[in-house]
Amino acid sequence: MAFWLGNIATAVIFALAHLPAIFQMKIKVTNTILIYSNSMNIMVGLCCGWLYWTQGFAAAVLCHILFHLVWYVFEKRNKATGPYTIHLSED
């Protein structure tokens, strides 16, 4: 239980540490973008924390790197709608 409490706290700090990067982008920062970004970063933080605990530092770093590589490809494929366009509903 202590591991998960620490992992959740660390994942939230990890997400908050990425906020300055969002505000440096040349986009309008909305609540939707902030919620989406923080929730994605919390999920990655939880995965990296679990990997660090079970497999070691190298596994957590590799997970972080792979997430950025996959996200980069995802952004490039969605360039037509804009890399930071988030569709939460089918309106």
Protein backbone atom coordinates (compact mmCIF):
# COMPACT_ATOMS: atom_id res chain seq x y z
CA MET A 1 0.00 0.00 0.00
CA ALA A 2 2.80 2.42 0.83
CA PHE A 3 4.33 1.84 -2.60
CA TRP A 4 1.13 2.86 -4.40
CA LEU A 5 0.62 5.96 -2.27
CA GLY A 6 4.19 7.03 -3.03
CA ASN A 7 3.82 6.11 -6.69
CA ILE A 8 0.61 8.15 -7.04
CA ALA A 9 2.18 11.15 -5.30
CA THR A 10 5.25 10.91 -7.53
CA ALA A 11 3.12 10.55 -10.67
CA VAL A 12 1.19 13.72 -9.78
CA ILE A 13 4.46 15.60 -9.25
CA PHE A 14 5.72 14.18 -12.57
CA ALA A 15 2.59 15.52 -14.31
CA LEU A 16 2.86 18.94 -12.68
CA ALA A 17 6.53 19.15 -13.69
CA HIS A 18 5.41 18.93 -17.33
CA LEU A 19 3.04 21.92 -17.08
CA PRO A 20 5.64 24.57 -18.06
CA ALA A 21 6.14 22.79 -21.39
CA ILE A 22 2.44 23.11 -22.17
CA PHE A 23 2.45 26.83 -21.50
CA GLN A 24 5.48 27.28 -23.79
CA MET A 25 3.64 25.85 -26.79
CA LYS A 26 2.11 28.27 -29.22
CA ILE A 27 -1.44 27.11 -28.52
CA LYS A 28 -4.37 28.32 -26.50
CA VAL A 29 -4.15 26.41 -23.22
CA THR A 30 -7.64 25.30 -22.20
CA ASN A 31 -8.91 23.29 -19.25
CA THR A 32 -9.41 20.34 -21.61
CA ILE A 33 -5.75 20.40 -22.63
CA LEU A 34 -4.62 20.69 -19.02
CA ILE A 35 -6.80 17.78 -17.89
CA TYR A 36 -5.76 15.63 -20.86
CA SER A 37 -2.06 16.39 -20.45
CA ASN A 38 -2.05 15.84 -16.70
CA SER A 39 -4.00 12.59 -16.92
CA MET A 40 -1.66 11.23 -19.62
CA ASN A 41 1.41 12.25 -17.62
CA ILE A 42 -0.03 10.68 -14.46
CA MET A 43 -0.58 7.40 -16.34
CA VAL A 44 2.98 7.44 -17.68
CA GLY A 45 4.26 8.36 -14.23
CA LEU A 46 2.43 5.41 -12.66
CA CYS A 47 3.81 3.02 -15.29
CA CYS A 48 7.35 4.36 -14.93
CA GLY A 49 7.10 4.21 -11.14
CA TRP A 50 5.94 0.61 -11.22
CA LEU A 51 8.69 -0.30 -13.69
CA TYR A 52 11.28 1.44 -11.53
CA TRP A 53 10.11 -0.52 -8.49
CA THR A 54 9.98 -3.91 -10.23
CA GLN A 55 12.61 -3.72 -12.99
CA GLY A 56 14.92 -0.82 -12.10
CA PHE A 57 15.84 2.64 -13.30
CA ALA A 58 16.74 1.66 -16.88
CA ALA A 59 13.29 0.17 -17.48
CA ALA A 60 11.58 3.35 -16.26
CA VAL A 61 13.76 5.54 -18.46
CA LEU A 62 13.13 3.29 -21.46
CA CYS A 63 9.37 3.50 -20.84
CA HIS A 64 9.58 7.30 -20.74
CA ILE A 65 11.61 7.42 -23.96
CA LEU A 66 9.27 5.01 -25.76
CA PHE A 67 6.24 7.02 -24.70
CA HIS A 68 7.75 10.16 -26.25
CA LEU A 69 8.65 8.31 -29.46
CA VAL A 70 5.16 6.84 -29.83
CA TRP A 71 3.54 10.19 -29.01
CA TYR A 72 5.74 11.93 -31.61
CA VAL A 73 4.56 9.52 -34.32
CA PHE A 74 0.95 9.96 -33.14
CA GLU A 75 1.26 13.75 -33.42
CA LYS A 76 2.77 13.59 -36.89
CA ARG A 77 0.02 11.27 -38.13
CA ASN A 78 -2.64 13.64 -36.82
CA LYS A 79 -1.05 16.75 -38.29
CA ALA A 80 -4.10 17.38 -40.51
CA THR A 81 -6.33 18.10 -37.50
CA GLY A 82 -3.53 19.72 -35.54
CA PRO A 83 -1.25 17.90 -33.11
CA TYR A 84 -2.95 19.39 -30.07
CA THR A 85 -6.56 19.00 -31.17
CA ILE A 86 -8.40 16.88 -28.67
CA HIS A 87 -11.76 15.38 -29.62
CA LEU A 88 -13.64 14.30 -26.53
CA SER A 89 -17.05 13.98 -28.19
CA GLU A 90 -18.49 13.34 -31.63
CA ASP A 91 -20.36 16.69 -32.00
